[in-house]
Amino acid sequence: MNNKKRGVLVLYSGSSGVGKGTILSELLKRDSSIRISVSNTTRSPRKGEIDGVHYHFVTREQFEKLISQDGFLEYAEYCENYYGTPKKPVEDMLDRGYNVFLEIEVQGGLQIMEKYPDVLSIFILPPSMDVLEKRLRRRGTEDEETIQKRLDEAKREISFKDKYKYNVVNGELETAVEEILEILHKEVSNNN
């Protein structure tokens, strides 16, 4: 029999460009109990993204087949591409005692909260919309039309922040990372 306690499922959302990935990289370096669910997407890889690490890049047909097999914890269409969290790898990691972060957008996050009411939910906020716009532009990965779509979407997503148990402002990376680690450790000890 496995005596290891089941891990905690962490819903981790925030608008595009808010620094979710940068924060997660730091969290992974500092806490060996953390794992990240790798989502499937139908969008093309950005420069530097590795299949199976950042996302599983799949075709629309492959994605829709998994939908028909009830193979996702959640999925959504965002900016004309599918994004979704495959069910089996997440369940396997939780069973092994890992705390699994689901880095997903709000539409998928709301699905997760409905299916898993006890999920630990954290929403990452930018210090301001101006800072968010600067971050999106600095990435240099999208054209003007896409940046404007992402800013409009960010305003819509931020309107759902109060549905999340915790809101963390990513103004200073170190402060945001420390705040999330404190939240995680408090919630894990409350679960056990």
C-alpha atoms as a PDB file:
ATOM      1  CA  MET A   1       0.000   0.000   0.000  1.00  0.00           C
ATOM      2  CA  ASN A   2       1.214   3.518  -0.842  1.00  0.00           C
ATOM      3  CA  ASN A   3       1.407   5.713   2.292  1.00  0.00           C
ATOM      4  CA  LYS A   4       2.163   8.841   0.342  1.00  0.00           C
ATOM      5  CA  LYS A   5      -0.562  11.479   0.580  1.00  0.00           C
ATOM      6  CA  ARG A   6      -2.299  12.536  -2.598  1.00  0.00           C
ATOM      7  CA  GLY A   7      -1.007  15.804  -4.010  1.00  0.00           C
ATOM      8  CA  VAL A   8      -2.925  19.053  -4.307  1.00  0.00           C
ATOM      9  CA  LEU A   9      -4.395  20.195  -7.615  1.00  0.00           C
ATOM     10  CA  VAL A  10      -3.532  23.869  -8.214  1.00  0.00           C
ATOM     11  CA  LEU A  11      -5.479  25.927 -10.727  1.00  0.00           C
ATOM     12  CA  TYR A  12      -3.091  28.637 -11.916  1.00  0.00           C
ATOM     13  CA  SER A  13      -4.441  31.354 -14.222  1.00  0.00           C
ATOM     14  CA  GLY A  14      -3.728  34.875 -15.380  1.00  0.00           C
ATOM     15  CA  SER A  15      -3.809  36.804 -18.591  1.00  0.00           C
ATOM     16  CA  SER A  16      -1.280  36.395 -21.391  1.00  0.00           C
ATOM     17  CA  GLY A  17       1.965  38.254 -20.638  1.00  0.00           C
ATOM     18  CA  VAL A  18       1.467  38.425 -16.872  1.00  0.00           C
ATOM     19  CA  GLY A  19       4.543  36.236 -16.191  1.00  0.00           C
ATOM     20  CA  LYS A  20       2.929  32.908 -15.259  1.00  0.00           C
ATOM     21  CA  GLY A  21       5.667  30.889 -16.956  1.00  0.00           C
ATOM     22  CA  THR A  22       8.495  32.842 -15.337  1.00  0.00           C
ATOM     23  CA  ILE A  23       6.940  32.384 -11.887  1.00  0.00           C
ATOM     24  CA  LEU A  24       6.426  28.644 -12.502  1.00  0.00           C
ATOM     25  CA  SER A  25      10.080  28.217 -13.510  1.00  0.00           C
ATOM     26  CA  GLU A  26      11.120  29.703 -10.172  1.00  0.00           C
ATOM     27  CA  LEU A  27       8.606  27.597  -8.229  1.00  0.00           C
ATOM     28  CA  LEU A  28       9.963  24.417  -9.838  1.00  0.00           C
ATOM     29  CA  LYS A  29      13.530  25.329  -8.805  1.00  0.00           C
ATOM     30  CA  ARG A  30      12.486  25.863  -5.184  1.00  0.00           C
ATOM     31  CA  ASP A  31       9.956  23.108  -4.447  1.00  0.00           C
ATOM     32  CA  SER A  32      10.513  19.515  -5.565  1.00  0.00           C
ATOM     33  CA  SER A  33       6.874  18.581  -4.826  1.00  0.00           C
ATOM     34  CA  ILE A  34       5.634  20.755  -7.706  1.00  0.00           C
ATOM     35  CA  ARG A  35       4.851  19.364 -11.133  1.00  0.00           C
ATOM     36  CA  ILE A  36       3.291  21.135 -14.086  1.00  0.00           C
ATOM     37  CA  SER A  37       0.588  19.629 -16.210  1.00  0.00           C
ATOM     38  CA  VAL A  38       1.588  19.909 -19.853  1.00  0.00           C
ATOM     39  CA  SER A  39      -1.427  21.039 -21.863  1.00  0.00           C
ATOM     40  CA  ASN A  40      -2.307  20.076 -25.387  1.00  0.00           C
ATOM     41  CA  THR A  41      -2.725  22.877 -27.922  1.00  0.00           C
ATOM     42  CA  THR A  42      -3.459  23.226 -31.603  1.00  0.00           C
ATOM     43  CA  ARG A  43      -1.476  26.477 -31.903  1.00  0.00           C
ATOM     44  CA  SER A  44       1.976  26.563 -33.475  1.00  0.00           C
ATOM     45  CA  PRO A  45       5.028  26.539 -31.193  1.00  0.00           C
ATOM     46  CA  ARG A  46       6.607  29.910 -30.370  1.00  0.00           C
ATOM     47  CA  LYS A  47      10.344  30.347 -30.723  1.00  0.00           C
ATOM     48  CA  GLY A  48      12.102  28.265 -28.074  1.00  0.00           C
ATOM     49  CA  GLU A  49       9.066  26.170 -27.126  1.00  0.00           C
ATOM     50  CA  ILE A  50       9.651  22.423 -26.976  1.00  0.00           C
ATOM     51  CA  ASP A  51       6.958  19.839 -27.708  1.00  0.00           C
ATOM     52  CA  GLY A  52       6.191  17.839 -24.566  1.00  0.00           C
ATOM     53  CA  VAL A  53       7.796  20.457 -22.293  1.00  0.00           C
ATOM     54  CA  HIS A  54       5.851  23.664 -22.877  1.00  0.00           C
ATOM     55  CA  TYR A  55       2.877  22.056 -24.626  1.00  0.00           C
ATOM     56  CA  HIS A  56       1.978  18.941 -26.522  1.00  0.00           C
ATOM     57  CA  PHE A  57       1.492  20.478 -29.981  1.00  0.00           C
ATOM     58  CA  VAL A  58      -1.240  18.476 -31.714  1.00  0.00           C
ATOM     59  CA  THR A  59      -3.462  18.783 -34.754  1.00  0.00           C
ATOM     60  CA  ARG A  60      -7.079  19.870 -34.492  1.00  0.00           C
ATOM     61  CA  GLU A  61      -8.100  16.313 -35.436  1.00  0.00           C
ATOM     62  CA  GLN A  62      -5.982  14.767 -32.646  1.00  0.00           C
ATOM     63  CA  PHE A  63      -7.406  17.231 -30.132  1.00  0.00           C
ATOM     64  CA  GLU A  64     -11.005  16.578 -31.156  1.00  0.00           C
ATOM     65  CA  LYS A  65     -10.453  12.816 -30.936  1.00  0.00           C
ATOM     66  CA  LEU A  66      -9.340  13.160 -27.294  1.00  0.00           C
ATOM     67  CA  ILE A  67     -12.411  15.351 -26.603  1.00  0.00           C
ATOM     68  CA  SER A  68     -14.620  12.539 -27.922  1.00  0.00           C
ATOM     69  CA  GLN A  69     -12.850  10.077 -25.569  1.00  0.00           C
ATOM     70  CA  ASP A  70     -13.445  12.310 -22.485  1.00  0.00           C
ATOM     71  CA  GLY A  71      -9.683  12.598 -22.160  1.00  0.00           C
ATOM     72  CA  PHE A  72      -9.506  16.182 -20.814  1.00  0.00           C
ATOM     73  CA  LEU A  73      -9.961  17.657 -17.340  1.00  0.00           C
ATOM     74  CA  GLU A  74     -10.918  20.815 -19.235  1.00  0.00           C
ATOM     75  CA  TYR A  75     -10.475  22.341 -22.645  1.00  0.00           C
ATOM     76  CA  ALA A  76     -11.298  25.602 -24.364  1.00  0.00           C
ATOM     77  CA  GLU A  77     -10.906  27.443 -27.618  1.00  0.00           C
ATOM     78  CA  TYR A  78      -8.888  30.658 -27.235  1.00  0.00           C
ATOM     79  CA  CYS A  79      -7.760  32.996 -30.038  1.00  0.00           C
ATOM     80  CA  GLU A  80      -8.890  30.364 -32.599  1.00  0.00           C
ATOM     81  CA  ASN A  81      -6.842  27.497 -31.085  1.00  0.00           C
ATOM     82  CA  TYR A  82      -7.747  24.677 -28.712  1.00  0.00           C
ATOM     83  CA  TYR A  83      -6.013  24.323 -25.337  1.00  0.00           C
ATOM     84  CA  GLY A  84      -6.727  21.472 -22.939  1.00  0.00           C
ATOM     85  CA  THR A  85      -5.474  19.543 -19.920  1.00  0.00           C
ATOM     86  CA  PRO A  86      -5.118  15.789 -20.526  1.00  0.00           C
ATOM     87  CA  LYS A  87      -6.678  13.882 -17.602  1.00  0.00           C
ATOM     88  CA  LYS A  88      -4.491  10.776 -17.150  1.00  0.00           C
ATOM     89  CA  PRO A  89      -1.045  12.372 -16.556  1.00  0.00           C
ATOM     90  CA  VAL A  90      -2.494  14.757 -13.933  1.00  0.00           C
ATOM     91  CA  GLU A  91      -4.228  11.960 -12.017  1.00  0.00           C
ATOM     92  CA  ASP A  92      -1.008   9.883 -12.089  1.00  0.00           C
ATOM     93  CA  MET A  93       1.086  12.736 -10.629  1.00  0.00           C
ATOM     94  CA  LEU A  94      -1.483  13.526  -7.907  1.00  0.00           C
ATOM     95  CA  ASP A  95      -1.584   9.834  -6.928  1.00  0.00           C
ATOM     96  CA  ARG A  96       2.217   9.902  -6.546  1.00  0.00           C
ATOM     97  CA  GLY A  97       1.907  12.809  -4.066  1.00  0.00           C
ATOM     98  CA  TYR A  98       2.944  15.696  -6.315  1.00  0.00           C
ATOM     99  CA  ASN A  99       1.253  19.113  -6.217  1.00  0.00           C
ATOM    100  CA  VAL A 100       0.174  19.628  -9.820  1.00  0.00           C
ATOM    101  CA  PHE A 101      -0.149  23.103 -11.308  1.00  0.00           C
ATOM    102  CA  LEU A 102      -2.662  23.503 -14.122  1.00  0.00           C
ATOM    103  CA  GLU A 103      -1.586  26.635 -15.991  1.00  0.00           C
ATOM    104  CA  ILE A 104      -4.789  27.396 -17.862  1.00  0.00           C
ATOM    105  CA  GLU A 105      -6.861  30.353 -18.956  1.00  0.00           C
ATOM    106  CA  VAL A 106     -10.012  31.471 -17.198  1.00  0.00           C
ATOM    107  CA  GLN A 107     -12.540  29.625 -19.401  1.00  0.00           C
ATOM    108  CA  GLY A 108     -10.834  26.316 -18.577  1.00  0.00           C
ATOM    109  CA  GLY A 109     -10.310  27.419 -14.986  1.00  0.00           C
ATOM    110  CA  LEU A 110     -14.023  27.890 -14.467  1.00  0.00           C
ATOM    111  CA  GLN A 111     -14.596  24.346 -15.796  1.00  0.00           C
ATOM    112  CA  ILE A 112     -12.024  23.009 -13.312  1.00  0.00           C
ATOM    113  CA  MET A 113     -13.641  24.882 -10.384  1.00  0.00           C
ATOM    114  CA  GLU A 114     -16.998  23.389 -11.318  1.00  0.00           C
ATOM    115  CA  LYS A 115     -15.662  19.806 -11.568  1.00  0.00           C
ATOM    116  CA  TYR A 116     -13.221  20.094  -8.635  1.00  0.00           C
ATOM    117  CA  PRO A 117     -14.699  22.545  -6.068  1.00  0.00           C
ATOM    118  CA  ASP A 118     -11.778  21.927  -3.650  1.00  0.00           C
ATOM    119  CA  VAL A 119      -9.112  22.934  -6.190  1.00  0.00           C
ATOM    120  CA  LEU A 120      -6.544  25.453  -4.918  1.00  0.00           C
ATOM    121  CA  SER A 121      -7.073  28.395  -7.282  1.00  0.00           C
ATOM    122  CA  ILE A 122      -4.532  31.187  -7.807  1.00  0.00           C
ATOM    123  CA  PHE A 123      -4.949  34.090 -10.237  1.00  0.00           C
ATOM    124  CA  ILE A 124      -1.853  36.065 -11.287  1.00  0.00           C
ATOM    125  CA  LEU A 125      -2.452  39.765 -11.903  1.00  0.00           C
ATOM    126  CA  PRO A 126      -0.288  42.375 -13.620  1.00  0.00           C
ATOM    127  CA  PRO A 127       0.589  45.479 -11.560  1.00  0.00           C
ATOM    128  CA  SER A 128      -1.369  47.472 -14.193  1.00  0.00           C
ATOM    129  CA  MET A 129      -2.687  47.157 -17.745  1.00  0.00           C
ATOM    130  CA  ASP A 130       0.152  49.443 -18.942  1.00  0.00           C
ATOM    131  CA  VAL A 131       2.750  47.053 -17.525  1.00  0.00           C
ATOM    132  CA  LEU A 132       0.950  44.123 -19.129  1.00  0.00           C
ATOM    133  CA  GLU A 133       0.971  45.815 -22.549  1.00  0.00           C
ATOM    134  CA  LYS A 134       4.722  46.527 -22.234  1.00  0.00           C
ATOM    135  CA  ARG A 135       5.385  42.872 -21.340  1.00  0.00           C
ATOM    136  CA  LEU A 136       3.381  41.616 -24.324  1.00  0.00           C
ATOM    137  CA  ARG A 137       5.231  43.959 -26.697  1.00  0.00           C
ATOM    138  CA  ARG A 138       8.631  43.077 -25.224  1.00  0.00           C
ATOM    139  CA  ARG A 139       8.062  39.390 -26.034  1.00  0.00           C
ATOM    140  CA  GLY A 140       8.137  40.274 -29.720  1.00  0.00           C
ATOM    141  CA  THR A 141       6.239  37.098 -30.640  1.00  0.00           C
ATOM    142  CA  GLU A 142       2.966  38.567 -31.910  1.00  0.00           C
ATOM    143  CA  ASP A 143       1.721  41.144 -34.383  1.00  0.00           C
ATOM    144  CA  GLU A 144      -0.250  44.268 -33.382  1.00  0.00           C
ATOM    145  CA  GLU A 145      -3.646  42.680 -34.015  1.00  0.00           C
ATOM    146  CA  THR A 146      -2.809  39.715 -31.768  1.00  0.00           C
ATOM    147  CA  ILE A 147      -1.460  42.016 -29.028  1.00  0.00           C
ATOM    148  CA  GLN A 148      -4.726  43.992 -29.085  1.00  0.00           C
ATOM    149  CA  LYS A 149      -6.750  40.731 -28.938  1.00  0.00           C
ATOM    150  CA  ARG A 150      -4.676  39.570 -25.963  1.00  0.00           C
ATOM    151  CA  LEU A 151      -5.142  42.903 -24.134  1.00  0.00           C
ATOM    152  CA  ASP A 152      -8.912  42.794 -24.697  1.00  0.00           C
ATOM    153  CA  GLU A 153      -8.965  39.186 -23.501  1.00  0.00           C
ATOM    154  CA  ALA A 154      -6.853  40.140 -20.450  1.00  0.00           C
ATOM    155  CA  LYS A 155      -9.439  42.721 -19.373  1.00  0.00           C
ATOM    156  CA  ARG A 156     -12.182  40.104 -19.687  1.00  0.00           C
ATOM    157  CA  GLU A 157     -10.153  37.467 -17.788  1.00  0.00           C
ATOM    158  CA  ILE A 158      -9.226  39.839 -14.958  1.00  0.00           C
ATOM    159  CA  SER A 159     -12.946  40.411 -14.362  1.00  0.00           C
ATOM    160  CA  PHE A 160     -13.063  36.777 -13.079  1.00  0.00           C
ATOM    161  CA  LYS A 161     -10.238  37.189 -10.537  1.00  0.00           C
ATOM    162  CA  ASP A 162     -12.612  37.112  -7.558  1.00  0.00           C
ATOM    163  CA  LYS A 163     -13.738  33.576  -8.458  1.00  0.00           C
ATOM    164  CA  TYR A 164     -10.203  32.436  -7.511  1.00  0.00           C
ATOM    165  CA  LYS A 165      -9.318  31.769  -3.869  1.00  0.00           C
ATOM    166  CA  TYR A 166      -6.056  33.758  -4.122  1.00  0.00           C
ATOM    167  CA  ASN A 167      -4.927  36.730  -6.251  1.00  0.00           C
ATOM    168  CA  VAL A 168      -1.194  37.382  -6.556  1.00  0.00           C
ATOM    169  CA  VAL A 169       0.178  40.523  -8.231  1.00  0.00           C
ATOM    170  CA  ASN A 170       3.326  39.870 -10.260  1.00  0.00           C
ATOM    171  CA  GLY A 171       5.056  43.218  -9.804  1.00  0.00           C
ATOM    172  CA  GLU A 172       8.315  41.869  -8.397  1.00  0.00           C
ATOM    173  CA  LEU A 173       9.075  38.256  -9.356  1.00  0.00           C
ATOM    174  CA  GLU A 174      10.661  37.297  -6.016  1.00  0.00           C
ATOM    175  CA  THR A 175       7.675  38.601  -4.018  1.00  0.00           C
ATOM    176  CA  ALA A 176       5.160  36.777  -6.239  1.00  0.00           C
ATOM    177  CA  VAL A 177       7.115  33.491  -6.013  1.00  0.00           C
ATOM    178  CA  GLU A 178       7.398  33.706  -2.211  1.00  0.00           C
ATOM    179  CA  GLU A 179       3.689  34.506  -1.884  1.00  0.00           C
ATOM    180  CA  ILE A 180       2.693  31.479  -3.974  1.00  0.00           C
ATOM    181  CA  LEU A 181       5.015  29.157  -2.028  1.00  0.00           C
ATOM    182  CA  GLU A 182       3.457  30.380   1.246  1.00  0.00           C
ATOM    183  CA  ILE A 183      -0.057  29.768  -0.145  1.00  0.00           C
ATOM    184  CA  LEU A 184       0.892  26.281  -1.368  1.00  0.00           C
ATOM    185  CA  HIS A 185       2.540  25.215   1.890  1.00  0.00           C
ATOM    186  CA  LYS A 186      -0.393  26.528   3.955  1.00  0.00           C
ATOM    187  CA  GLU A 187      -2.936  24.722   1.762  1.00  0.00           C
ATOM    188  CA  VAL A 188      -0.957  21.455   1.658  1.00  0.00           C
ATOM    189  CA  SER A 189      -0.678  21.379   5.456  1.00  0.00           C
ATOM    190  CA  ASN A 190      -4.431  22.127   5.744  1.00  0.00           C
ATOM    191  CA  ASN A 191      -5.125  19.165   3.445  1.00  0.00           C
ATOM    192  CA  ASN A 192      -3.079  16.705   5.499  1.00  0.00           C
END
